[in-house]
Amino acid sequence: MSLHASPTAYEVPAVPSPRLAMWWLIASEVVIFGGLIACYVLYRVRFPEWAEYAKYTSTPLGALNTLVLLTSSLTVVLAHAAAERKELAKVTRYMSITIGFGLMFLVVKSIEYTTEIHHGYTFTKNLFWTFYYSMTGLHAIHVILGMVAMFIVMLGARKGENLHRVEMAGLYWHFVDVVWVFLFPLLYVAK
């Protein structure tokens, strides 16, 4: 009996490179959003009067956007399942619906911004509004990036190319949704 184990005895199953890369990207994004959210929470505890400012955010529109994004997560899951079954028409349909939900999110967000700015609640009004616009604006940029990625992946997937990328786009989209799940209660509900 040899003292050396065979090379396969301790092998760890390989993680596909695209999936590993996506998880690294998501981890770096968690650091960015996590830092912003942590700073916001520390300031919010320090300045209880921020609850007064938060009452001017639209909870119904924020809730609508939460519903939109959570539903879009379902359509991404359905797109991924269709990709695994190589049902190209369904992949395209579900990814298109997801992009549509992203667009709906941005329209609702622009309505919110327009209303808030019209009432004088601008980026420079006070630190609460600076955080609000920074966090929701950064999130909106990520929604746009997710929509662009989803569109590019969808173009390939409808031809049956690189179907594994549907999962990668879905992972990113789920991350964007989870960030909103944190932003919504912090900025809209905790008044």
N, C-alpha and C. Protein backbone atom coordinates (compact mmCIF):
# COMPACT_ATOMS: atom_id res chain seq x y z
N MET A 1 0.84 -1.18 0.00
CA MET A 1 0.00 0.00 0.00
C MET A 1 0.88 1.23 0.00
N SER A 2 0.57 2.15 -0.87
CA SER A 2 1.36 3.35 -1.02
C SER A 2 0.97 4.39 0.02
N LEU A 3 1.97 5.17 0.46
CA LEU A 3 1.69 6.25 1.40
C LEU A 3 1.05 7.45 0.70
N HIS A 4 1.20 7.50 -0.57
CA HIS A 4 0.66 8.63 -1.34
C HIS A 4 -0.72 8.26 -1.88
N ALA A 5 -1.64 9.17 -1.67
CA ALA A 5 -2.99 8.93 -2.19
C ALA A 5 -2.98 9.13 -3.69
N SER A 6 -3.88 8.48 -4.33
CA SER A 6 -3.98 8.68 -5.78
C SER A 6 -4.41 10.11 -6.06
N PRO A 7 -4.05 10.66 -7.22
CA PRO A 7 -4.37 12.05 -7.53
C PRO A 7 -5.86 12.34 -7.50
N THR A 8 -6.67 11.35 -7.72
CA THR A 8 -8.12 11.59 -7.76
C THR A 8 -8.77 11.53 -6.39
N ALA A 9 -8.06 11.09 -5.38
CA ALA A 9 -8.67 10.92 -4.05
C ALA A 9 -9.10 12.24 -3.43
N TYR A 10 -8.38 13.31 -3.71
CA TYR A 10 -8.68 14.59 -3.07
C TYR A 10 -9.13 15.66 -4.06
N GLU A 11 -9.50 15.27 -5.25
CA GLU A 11 -9.90 16.25 -6.23
C GLU A 11 -11.23 16.89 -5.85
N VAL A 12 -11.29 18.17 -6.06
CA VAL A 12 -12.51 18.92 -5.83
C VAL A 12 -13.20 19.08 -7.17
N PRO A 13 -14.50 18.90 -7.21
CA PRO A 13 -15.17 19.07 -8.50
C PRO A 13 -14.92 20.47 -9.06
N ALA A 14 -14.64 20.53 -10.33
CA ALA A 14 -14.33 21.81 -10.96
C ALA A 14 -15.59 22.65 -11.13
N VAL A 15 -15.44 23.93 -10.85
CA VAL A 15 -16.52 24.88 -11.09
C VAL A 15 -16.27 25.47 -12.47
N PRO A 16 -17.26 25.46 -13.33
CA PRO A 16 -17.04 26.04 -14.66
C PRO A 16 -16.55 27.48 -14.55
N SER A 17 -15.59 27.83 -15.40
CA SER A 17 -14.98 29.17 -15.36
C SER A 17 -15.99 30.31 -15.45
N PRO A 18 -16.98 30.25 -16.36
CA PRO A 18 -17.93 31.37 -16.42
C PRO A 18 -18.70 31.56 -15.11
N ARG A 19 -19.08 30.47 -14.49
CA ARG A 19 -19.80 30.57 -13.23
C ARG A 19 -18.91 31.15 -12.14
N LEU A 20 -17.67 30.69 -12.09
CA LEU A 20 -16.73 31.22 -11.11
C LEU A 20 -16.50 32.71 -11.32
N ALA A 21 -16.34 33.12 -12.57
CA ALA A 21 -16.15 34.53 -12.89
C ALA A 21 -17.36 35.36 -12.46
N MET A 22 -18.55 34.83 -12.70
CA MET A 22 -19.76 35.57 -12.32
C MET A 22 -19.83 35.70 -10.80
N TRP A 23 -19.49 34.66 -10.08
CA TRP A 23 -19.52 34.76 -8.62
C TRP A 23 -18.49 35.76 -8.11
N TRP A 24 -17.33 35.85 -8.76
CA TRP A 24 -16.34 36.86 -8.38
C TRP A 24 -16.88 38.27 -8.64
N LEU A 25 -17.52 38.45 -9.77
CA LEU A 25 -18.12 39.75 -10.08
C LEU A 25 -19.18 40.12 -9.05
N ILE A 26 -20.04 39.17 -8.74
CA ILE A 26 -21.10 39.42 -7.76
C ILE A 26 -20.50 39.73 -6.39
N ALA A 27 -19.44 39.01 -6.02
CA ALA A 27 -18.79 39.28 -4.73
C ALA A 27 -18.25 40.70 -4.68
N SER A 28 -17.66 41.16 -5.77
CA SER A 28 -17.15 42.54 -5.79
C SER A 28 -18.29 43.55 -5.71
N GLU A 29 -19.40 43.25 -6.33
CA GLU A 29 -20.57 44.13 -6.27
C GLU A 29 -21.18 44.14 -4.87
N VAL A 30 -21.14 43.00 -4.21
CA VAL A 30 -21.64 42.93 -2.82
C VAL A 30 -20.83 43.87 -1.93
N VAL A 31 -19.52 43.93 -2.17
CA VAL A 31 -18.67 44.83 -1.39
C VAL A 31 -19.09 46.28 -1.61
N ILE A 32 -19.35 46.65 -2.85
CA ILE A 32 -19.75 48.03 -3.16
C ILE A 32 -21.08 48.36 -2.49
N PHE A 33 -22.11 47.56 -2.78
CA PHE A 33 -23.43 47.83 -2.22
C PHE A 33 -23.44 47.63 -0.70
N GLY A 34 -22.69 46.64 -0.23
CA GLY A 34 -22.63 46.39 1.21
C GLY A 34 -22.03 47.58 1.95
N GLY A 35 -21.00 48.18 1.38
CA GLY A 35 -20.40 49.36 1.99
C GLY A 35 -21.36 50.53 2.02
N LEU A 36 -22.05 50.76 0.92
CA LEU A 36 -23.04 51.85 0.87
C LEU A 36 -24.16 51.62 1.88
N ILE A 37 -24.68 50.40 1.91
CA ILE A 37 -25.78 50.10 2.82
C ILE A 37 -25.32 50.22 4.27
N ALA A 38 -24.13 49.73 4.58
CA ALA A 38 -23.61 49.82 5.95
C ALA A 38 -23.45 51.29 6.37
N CYS A 39 -22.91 52.11 5.48
CA CYS A 39 -22.77 53.55 5.79
C CYS A 39 -24.14 54.18 6.01
N TYR A 40 -25.08 53.85 5.15
CA TYR A 40 -26.42 54.40 5.29
C TYR A 40 -27.03 54.02 6.65
N VAL A 41 -26.92 52.75 7.02
CA VAL A 41 -27.49 52.28 8.29
C VAL A 41 -26.84 53.00 9.46
N LEU A 42 -25.52 53.16 9.42
CA LEU A 42 -24.82 53.86 10.52
C LEU A 42 -25.29 55.31 10.63
N TYR A 43 -25.43 55.98 9.50
CA TYR A 43 -25.94 57.35 9.52
C TYR A 43 -27.39 57.39 9.97
N ARG A 44 -28.17 56.44 9.53
CA ARG A 44 -29.60 56.40 9.88
C ARG A 44 -29.77 56.25 11.39
N VAL A 45 -28.94 55.42 12.01
CA VAL A 45 -28.99 55.26 13.46
C VAL A 45 -28.55 56.54 14.15
N ARG A 46 -27.56 57.18 13.58
CA ARG A 46 -27.02 58.43 14.17
C ARG A 46 -27.99 59.60 14.02
N PHE A 47 -28.75 59.62 12.92
CA PHE A 47 -29.66 60.73 12.64
C PHE A 47 -31.10 60.23 12.52
N PRO A 48 -31.79 60.09 13.64
CA PRO A 48 -33.16 59.57 13.59
C PRO A 48 -34.12 60.46 12.80
N GLU A 49 -33.75 61.73 12.59
CA GLU A 49 -34.61 62.62 11.81
C GLU A 49 -34.70 62.20 10.34
N TRP A 50 -33.83 61.28 9.91
CA TRP A 50 -33.92 60.77 8.55
C TRP A 50 -35.25 60.06 8.31
N ALA A 51 -35.86 59.55 9.37
CA ALA A 51 -37.17 58.92 9.22
C ALA A 51 -38.17 59.93 8.67
N GLU A 52 -38.02 61.18 9.05
CA GLU A 52 -38.90 62.25 8.55
C GLU A 52 -38.69 62.45 7.04
N TYR A 53 -37.44 62.39 6.58
CA TYR A 53 -37.16 62.55 5.15
C TYR A 53 -37.66 61.34 4.37
N ALA A 54 -37.51 60.16 4.96
CA ALA A 54 -37.90 58.93 4.27
C ALA A 54 -39.39 58.88 3.98
N LYS A 55 -40.18 59.62 4.75
CA LYS A 55 -41.63 59.56 4.50
C LYS A 55 -42.00 60.18 3.16
N TYR A 56 -41.07 60.89 2.53
CA TYR A 56 -41.33 61.49 1.22
C TYR A 56 -40.96 60.56 0.06
N THR A 57 -40.47 59.37 0.37
CA THR A 57 -40.29 58.37 -0.68
C THR A 57 -41.64 57.69 -0.88
N SER A 58 -41.89 57.21 -2.07
CA SER A 58 -43.18 56.59 -2.38
C SER A 58 -43.15 55.10 -2.11
N THR A 59 -43.70 54.71 -0.97
CA THR A 59 -43.75 53.29 -0.62
C THR A 59 -44.55 52.48 -1.65
N PRO A 60 -45.71 52.98 -2.13
CA PRO A 60 -46.43 52.19 -3.15
C PRO A 60 -45.61 51.97 -4.43
N LEU A 61 -44.90 52.99 -4.90
CA LEU A 61 -44.08 52.80 -6.10
C LEU A 61 -42.88 51.89 -5.81
N GLY A 62 -42.30 52.03 -4.62
CA GLY A 62 -41.21 51.13 -4.24
C GLY A 62 -41.68 49.69 -4.14
N ALA A 63 -42.90 49.50 -3.61
CA ALA A 63 -43.47 48.15 -3.52
C ALA A 63 -43.76 47.59 -4.91
N LEU A 64 -44.27 48.45 -5.79
CA LEU A 64 -44.51 48.02 -7.17
C LEU A 64 -43.21 47.57 -7.81
N ASN A 65 -42.15 48.34 -7.63
CA ASN A 65 -40.86 47.95 -8.20
C ASN A 65 -40.33 46.66 -7.58
N THR A 66 -40.62 46.44 -6.31
CA THR A 66 -40.22 45.18 -5.67
C THR A 66 -40.95 44.02 -6.33
N LEU A 67 -42.24 44.17 -6.54
CA LEU A 67 -43.03 43.13 -7.21
C LEU A 67 -42.51 42.89 -8.63
N VAL A 68 -42.20 43.96 -9.34
CA VAL A 68 -41.68 43.86 -10.71
C VAL A 68 -40.38 43.05 -10.73
N LEU A 69 -39.46 43.39 -9.83
CA LEU A 69 -38.17 42.70 -9.84
C LEU A 69 -38.29 41.25 -9.37
N LEU A 70 -39.12 40.99 -8.37
CA LEU A 70 -39.28 39.61 -7.92
C LEU A 70 -39.91 38.75 -9.01
N THR A 71 -40.86 39.33 -9.73
CA THR A 71 -41.47 38.60 -10.85
C THR A 71 -40.45 38.37 -11.95
N SER A 72 -39.58 39.34 -12.17
CA SER A 72 -38.54 39.18 -13.20
C SER A 72 -37.57 38.07 -12.83
N SER A 73 -37.37 37.85 -11.54
CA SER A 73 -36.51 36.73 -11.13
C SER A 73 -37.14 35.40 -11.55
N LEU A 74 -38.46 35.33 -11.47
CA LEU A 74 -39.16 34.11 -11.90
C LEU A 74 -38.95 33.89 -13.40
N THR A 75 -39.07 34.95 -14.20
CA THR A 75 -38.91 34.77 -15.64
C THR A 75 -37.48 34.39 -16.01
N VAL A 76 -36.51 34.85 -15.23
CA VAL A 76 -35.12 34.44 -15.47
C VAL A 76 -34.96 32.96 -15.17
N VAL A 77 -35.57 32.49 -14.09
CA VAL A 77 -35.50 31.06 -13.75
C VAL A 77 -36.15 30.24 -14.86
N LEU A 78 -37.27 30.71 -15.37
CA LEU A 78 -37.95 29.99 -16.46
C LEU A 78 -37.10 29.99 -17.73
N ALA A 79 -36.39 31.09 -17.99
CA ALA A 79 -35.49 31.14 -19.15
C ALA A 79 -34.35 30.14 -19.00
N HIS A 80 -33.81 30.06 -17.80
CA HIS A 80 -32.71 29.12 -17.56
C HIS A 80 -33.19 27.68 -17.71
N ALA A 81 -34.37 27.38 -17.17
CA ALA A 81 -34.92 26.02 -17.30
C ALA A 81 -35.16 25.69 -18.78
N ALA A 82 -35.68 26.66 -19.53
CA ALA A 82 -35.90 26.44 -20.97
C ALA A 82 -34.57 26.24 -21.70
N ALA A 83 -33.54 26.96 -21.29
CA ALA A 83 -32.22 26.80 -21.92
C ALA A 83 -31.67 25.40 -21.68
N GLU A 84 -31.87 24.89 -20.48
CA GLU A 84 -31.39 23.53 -20.19
C GLU A 84 -32.12 22.49 -21.03
N ARG A 85 -33.37 22.77 -21.39
CA ARG A 85 -34.15 21.86 -22.24
C ARG A 85 -33.97 22.19 -23.72
N LYS A 86 -33.17 23.24 -24.01
CA LYS A 86 -32.92 23.70 -25.38
C LYS A 86 -34.20 24.12 -26.10
N GLU A 87 -35.11 24.73 -25.37
CA GLU A 87 -36.34 25.27 -25.94
C GLU A 87 -36.09 26.75 -26.25
N LEU A 88 -35.51 26.99 -27.41
CA LEU A 88 -34.99 28.31 -27.76
C LEU A 88 -36.07 29.38 -27.80
N ALA A 89 -37.24 29.06 -28.30
CA ALA A 89 -38.32 30.06 -28.36
C ALA A 89 -38.73 30.49 -26.95
N LYS A 90 -38.77 29.56 -26.02
CA LYS A 90 -39.12 29.91 -24.63
C LYS A 90 -38.02 30.72 -23.97
N VAL A 91 -36.77 30.37 -24.25
CA VAL A 91 -35.65 31.15 -23.70
C VAL A 91 -35.80 32.60 -24.14
N THR A 92 -36.01 32.80 -25.43
CA THR A 92 -36.14 34.15 -25.97
C THR A 92 -37.33 34.88 -25.35
N ARG A 93 -38.45 34.18 -25.25
CA ARG A 93 -39.66 34.81 -24.69
C ARG A 93 -39.43 35.22 -23.23
N TYR A 94 -38.91 34.32 -22.41
CA TYR A 94 -38.73 34.63 -20.99
C TYR A 94 -37.67 35.71 -20.76
N MET A 95 -36.63 35.69 -21.57
CA MET A 95 -35.61 36.73 -21.44
C MET A 95 -36.16 38.08 -21.89
N SER A 96 -36.97 38.08 -22.93
CA SER A 96 -37.62 39.32 -23.39
C SER A 96 -38.54 39.87 -22.30
N ILE A 97 -39.27 38.99 -21.66
CA ILE A 97 -40.16 39.42 -20.57
C ILE A 97 -39.34 40.01 -19.43
N THR A 98 -38.23 39.37 -19.12
CA THR A 98 -37.35 39.88 -18.05
C THR A 98 -36.84 41.27 -18.39
N ILE A 99 -36.42 41.46 -19.63
CA ILE A 99 -35.96 42.78 -20.07
C ILE A 99 -37.10 43.79 -19.95
N GLY A 100 -38.30 43.36 -20.31
CA GLY A 100 -39.48 44.22 -20.18
C GLY A 100 -39.73 44.63 -18.74
N PHE A 101 -39.57 43.68 -17.82
CA PHE A 101 -39.71 44.01 -16.40
C PHE A 101 -38.63 45.01 -15.96
N GLY A 102 -37.42 44.83 -16.47
CA GLY A 102 -36.36 45.80 -16.16
C GLY A 102 -36.72 47.19 -16.64
N LEU A 103 -37.26 47.26 -17.84
CA LEU A 103 -37.70 48.55 -18.38
C LEU A 103 -38.82 49.14 -17.53
N MET A 104 -39.76 48.29 -17.10
CA MET A 104 -40.84 48.76 -16.25
C MET A 104 -40.29 49.32 -14.94
N PHE A 105 -39.31 48.63 -14.36
CA PHE A 105 -38.66 49.12 -13.14
C PHE A 105 -38.10 50.52 -13.36
N LEU A 106 -37.40 50.71 -14.48
CA LEU A 106 -36.77 52.01 -14.75
C LEU A 106 -37.81 53.10 -14.98
N VAL A 107 -38.93 52.77 -15.61
CA VAL A 107 -39.99 53.75 -15.82
C VAL A 107 -40.57 54.19 -14.47
N VAL A 108 -40.85 53.23 -13.61
CA VAL A 108 -41.38 53.56 -12.27
C VAL A 108 -40.37 54.39 -11.50
N LYS A 109 -39.10 54.02 -11.60
CA LYS A 109 -38.06 54.76 -10.89
C LYS A 109 -37.98 56.20 -11.42
N SER A 110 -38.10 56.38 -12.72
CA SER A 110 -38.05 57.73 -13.27
C SER A 110 -39.25 58.56 -12.84
N ILE A 111 -40.41 57.92 -12.70
CA ILE A 111 -41.59 58.62 -12.16
C ILE A 111 -41.31 59.08 -10.73
N GLU A 112 -40.73 58.19 -9.94
CA GLU A 112 -40.36 58.54 -8.57
C GLU A 112 -39.40 59.72 -8.55
N TYR A 113 -38.32 59.60 -9.30
CA TYR A 113 -37.32 60.67 -9.33
C TYR A 113 -37.93 62.00 -9.75
N THR A 114 -38.74 61.98 -10.78
CA THR A 114 -39.37 63.20 -11.28
C THR A 114 -40.23 63.85 -10.20
N THR A 115 -41.03 63.05 -9.53
CA THR A 115 -41.89 63.56 -8.46
C THR A 115 -41.07 64.13 -7.31
N GLU A 116 -40.06 63.39 -6.88
CA GLU A 116 -39.24 63.83 -5.75
C GLU A 116 -38.48 65.12 -6.09
N ILE A 117 -37.91 65.17 -7.26
CA ILE A 117 -37.17 66.37 -7.67
C ILE A 117 -38.12 67.55 -7.80
N HIS A 118 -39.31 67.31 -8.33
CA HIS A 118 -40.32 68.36 -8.46
C HIS A 118 -40.67 68.97 -7.10
N HIS A 119 -40.66 68.14 -6.05
CA HIS A 119 -40.96 68.61 -4.70
C HIS A 119 -39.72 69.15 -3.97
N GLY A 120 -38.60 69.23 -4.67
CA GLY A 120 -37.40 69.82 -4.08
C GLY A 120 -36.48 68.84 -3.38
N TYR A 121 -36.77 67.55 -3.47
CA TYR A 121 -35.93 66.53 -2.84
C TYR A 121 -34.88 66.08 -3.84
N THR A 122 -33.81 66.84 -3.91
CA THR A 122 -32.75 66.59 -4.88
C THR A 122 -31.56 65.90 -4.21
N PHE A 123 -30.60 65.53 -5.03
CA PHE A 123 -29.38 64.88 -4.58
C PHE A 123 -28.66 65.70 -3.51
N THR A 124 -28.74 67.03 -3.60
CA THR A 124 -28.01 67.91 -2.69
C THR A 124 -28.88 68.46 -1.56
N LYS A 125 -30.12 68.01 -1.44
CA LYS A 125 -31.03 68.52 -0.41
C LYS A 125 -30.46 68.29 1.00
N ASN A 126 -30.07 67.06 1.26
CA ASN A 126 -29.41 66.70 2.52
C ASN A 126 -28.78 65.32 2.34
N LEU A 127 -28.12 64.83 3.39
CA LEU A 127 -27.38 63.58 3.27
C LEU A 127 -28.30 62.38 3.02
N PHE A 128 -29.51 62.40 3.57
CA PHE A 128 -30.45 61.31 3.30
C PHE A 128 -30.69 61.18 1.80
N TRP A 129 -31.01 62.31 1.15
CA TRP A 129 -31.33 62.28 -0.27
C TRP A 129 -30.09 61.96 -1.10
N THR A 130 -28.91 62.33 -0.62
CA THR A 130 -27.68 61.95 -1.31
C THR A 130 -27.54 60.43 -1.31
N PHE A 131 -27.75 59.82 -0.14
CA PHE A 131 -27.71 58.36 -0.06
C PHE A 131 -28.79 57.74 -0.92
N TYR A 132 -29.99 58.27 -0.84
CA TYR A 132 -31.13 57.72 -1.59
C TYR A 132 -30.81 57.69 -3.09
N TYR A 133 -30.41 58.82 -3.64
CA TYR A 133 -30.12 58.88 -5.07
C TYR A 133 -28.88 58.06 -5.44
N SER A 134 -27.88 58.05 -4.57
CA SER A 134 -26.68 57.27 -4.86
C SER A 134 -26.98 55.78 -4.92
N MET A 135 -27.69 55.29 -3.90
CA MET A 135 -27.96 53.85 -3.84
C MET A 135 -28.96 53.42 -4.91
N THR A 136 -30.05 54.16 -5.07
CA THR A 136 -31.04 53.75 -6.07
C THR A 136 -30.53 54.02 -7.48
N GLY A 137 -29.73 55.06 -7.65
CA GLY A 137 -29.15 55.34 -8.97
C GLY A 137 -28.15 54.28 -9.37
N LEU A 138 -27.28 53.89 -8.43
CA LEU A 138 -26.32 52.82 -8.71
C LEU A 138 -27.06 51.52 -9.02
N HIS A 139 -28.13 51.28 -8.28
CA HIS A 139 -28.93 50.08 -8.55
C HIS A 139 -29.55 50.16 -9.95
N ALA A 140 -30.08 51.31 -10.31
CA ALA A 140 -30.69 51.47 -11.65
C ALA A 140 -29.66 51.23 -12.75
N ILE A 141 -28.43 51.68 -12.53
CA ILE A 141 -27.36 51.42 -13.51
C ILE A 141 -27.14 49.92 -13.65
N HIS A 142 -27.19 49.21 -12.53
CA HIS A 142 -27.03 47.76 -12.58
C HIS A 142 -28.22 47.08 -13.27
N VAL A 143 -29.40 47.63 -13.11
CA VAL A 143 -30.56 47.09 -13.85
C VAL A 143 -30.32 47.25 -15.35
N ILE A 144 -29.85 48.43 -15.75
CA ILE A 144 -29.57 48.67 -17.17
C ILE A 144 -28.50 47.71 -17.68
N LEU A 145 -27.42 47.54 -16.92
CA LEU A 145 -26.36 46.61 -17.32
C LEU A 145 -26.90 45.18 -17.42
N GLY A 146 -27.76 44.81 -16.48
CA GLY A 146 -28.38 43.48 -16.53
C GLY A 146 -29.25 43.31 -17.75
N MET A 147 -29.98 44.36 -18.12
CA MET A 147 -30.82 44.29 -19.31
C MET A 147 -29.97 44.15 -20.58
N VAL A 148 -28.88 44.89 -20.64
CA VAL A 148 -27.98 44.81 -21.80
C VAL A 148 -27.38 43.40 -21.89
N ALA A 149 -26.90 42.88 -20.77
CA ALA A 149 -26.33 41.53 -20.75
C ALA A 149 -27.39 40.51 -21.16
N MET A 150 -28.59 40.67 -20.62
CA MET A 150 -29.68 39.75 -20.94
C MET A 150 -29.98 39.79 -22.45
N PHE A 151 -29.99 40.98 -23.03
CA PHE A 151 -30.28 41.12 -24.46
C PHE A 151 -29.20 40.44 -25.31
N ILE A 152 -27.95 40.67 -24.96
CA ILE A 152 -26.84 40.07 -25.72
C ILE A 152 -26.89 38.55 -25.62
N VAL A 153 -27.11 38.04 -24.41
CA VAL A 153 -27.21 36.59 -24.22
C VAL A 153 -28.41 36.04 -24.98
N MET A 154 -29.52 36.76 -24.96
CA MET A 154 -30.73 36.32 -25.64
C MET A 154 -30.50 36.20 -27.15
N LEU A 155 -29.75 37.15 -27.74
CA LEU A 155 -29.47 37.08 -29.18
C LEU A 155 -28.75 35.79 -29.55
N GLY A 156 -27.77 35.40 -28.72
CA GLY A 156 -27.07 34.15 -28.97
C GLY A 156 -27.94 32.94 -28.68
N ALA A 157 -28.70 33.01 -27.60
CA ALA A 157 -29.51 31.87 -27.19
C ALA A 157 -30.60 31.55 -28.21
N ARG A 158 -31.15 32.55 -28.85
CA ARG A 158 -32.22 32.26 -29.82
C ARG A 158 -31.69 31.52 -31.04
N LYS A 159 -30.35 31.56 -31.24
CA LYS A 159 -29.73 30.78 -32.31
C LYS A 159 -29.16 29.47 -31.76
N GLY A 160 -29.37 29.23 -30.47
CA GLY A 160 -28.85 28.02 -29.86
C GLY A 160 -27.40 28.11 -29.46
N GLU A 161 -26.84 29.32 -29.43
CA GLU A 161 -25.43 29.51 -29.10
C GLU A 161 -25.25 29.90 -27.63
N ASN A 162 -24.26 29.30 -27.00
CA ASN A 162 -23.85 29.66 -25.64
C ASN A 162 -25.02 29.69 -24.66
N LEU A 163 -25.80 28.63 -24.63
CA LEU A 163 -26.96 28.58 -23.74
C LEU A 163 -26.57 28.64 -22.27
N HIS A 164 -25.32 28.26 -21.96
CA HIS A 164 -24.86 28.34 -20.57
C HIS A 164 -24.84 29.79 -20.06
N ARG A 165 -24.78 30.76 -20.98
CA ARG A 165 -24.74 32.16 -20.57
C ARG A 165 -26.08 32.64 -20.00
N VAL A 166 -27.15 31.93 -20.30
CA VAL A 166 -28.45 32.28 -19.72
C VAL A 166 -28.37 32.19 -18.20
N GLU A 167 -27.70 31.16 -17.71
CA GLU A 167 -27.52 31.02 -16.26
C GLU A 167 -26.69 32.18 -15.70
N MET A 168 -25.63 32.57 -16.41
CA MET A 168 -24.77 33.66 -15.92
C MET A 168 -25.54 34.98 -15.87
N ALA A 169 -26.30 35.27 -16.91
CA ALA A 169 -27.12 36.49 -16.91
C ALA A 169 -28.15 36.42 -15.79
N GLY A 170 -28.69 35.23 -15.56
CA GLY A 170 -29.66 35.05 -14.49
C GLY A 170 -29.06 35.27 -13.11
N LEU A 171 -27.85 34.78 -12.89
CA LEU A 171 -27.19 35.01 -11.60
C LEU A 171 -27.03 36.50 -11.33
N TYR A 172 -26.58 37.23 -12.35
CA TYR A 172 -26.40 38.67 -12.20
C TYR A 172 -27.75 39.34 -11.91
N TRP A 173 -28.78 38.93 -12.64
CA TRP A 173 -30.11 39.52 -12.45
C TRP A 173 -30.63 39.25 -11.04
N HIS A 174 -30.41 38.05 -10.54
CA HIS A 174 -30.84 37.73 -9.17
C HIS A 174 -30.10 38.62 -8.16
N PHE A 175 -28.82 38.85 -8.40
CA PHE A 175 -28.07 39.75 -7.52
C PHE A 175 -28.71 41.13 -7.49
N VAL A 176 -29.04 41.66 -8.66
CA VAL A 176 -29.67 42.98 -8.75
C VAL A 176 -30.98 43.00 -7.96
N ASP A 177 -31.74 41.92 -8.07
CA ASP A 177 -33.01 41.81 -7.33
C ASP A 177 -32.78 41.79 -5.82
N VAL A 178 -31.78 41.03 -5.39
CA VAL A 178 -31.50 40.92 -3.95
C VAL A 178 -31.08 42.27 -3.39
N VAL A 179 -30.31 43.03 -4.14
CA VAL A 179 -29.92 44.37 -3.68
C VAL A 179 -31.17 45.20 -3.44
N TRP A 180 -32.12 45.14 -4.36
CA TRP A 180 -33.36 45.92 -4.19
C TRP A 180 -34.13 45.46 -2.96
N VAL A 181 -34.09 44.18 -2.66
CA VAL A 181 -34.78 43.66 -1.48
C VAL A 181 -34.22 44.29 -0.21
N PHE A 182 -32.96 44.70 -0.23
CA PHE A 182 -32.38 45.43 0.90
C PHE A 182 -32.71 46.92 0.84
N LEU A 183 -32.66 47.50 -0.35
CA LEU A 183 -32.89 48.94 -0.48
C LEU A 183 -34.33 49.32 -0.17
N PHE A 184 -35.28 48.52 -0.61
CA PHE A 184 -36.69 48.86 -0.42
C PHE A 184 -37.05 49.09 1.05
N PRO A 185 -36.78 48.14 1.95
CA PRO A 185 -37.16 48.41 3.35
C PRO A 185 -36.35 49.54 3.98
N LEU A 186 -35.06 49.65 3.61
CA LEU A 186 -34.23 50.69 4.21
C LEU A 186 -34.68 52.10 3.81
N LEU A 187 -35.03 52.28 2.56
CA LEU A 187 -35.32 53.63 2.06
C LEU A 187 -36.81 53.95 2.01
N TYR A 188 -37.67 52.95 1.91
CA TYR A 188 -39.09 53.21 1.71
C TYR A 188 -39.95 52.83 2.91
N VAL A 189 -39.61 51.76 3.59
CA VAL A 189 -40.48 51.23 4.65
C VAL A 189 -40.10 51.77 6.02
N ALA A 190 -38.82 51.82 6.31
CA ALA A 190 -38.34 52.25 7.65
C ALA A 190 -38.49 53.76 7.78
N LYS A 191 -39.68 54.19 8.17
CA LYS A 191 -39.94 55.63 8.24
C LYS A 191 -40.08 56.08 9.67
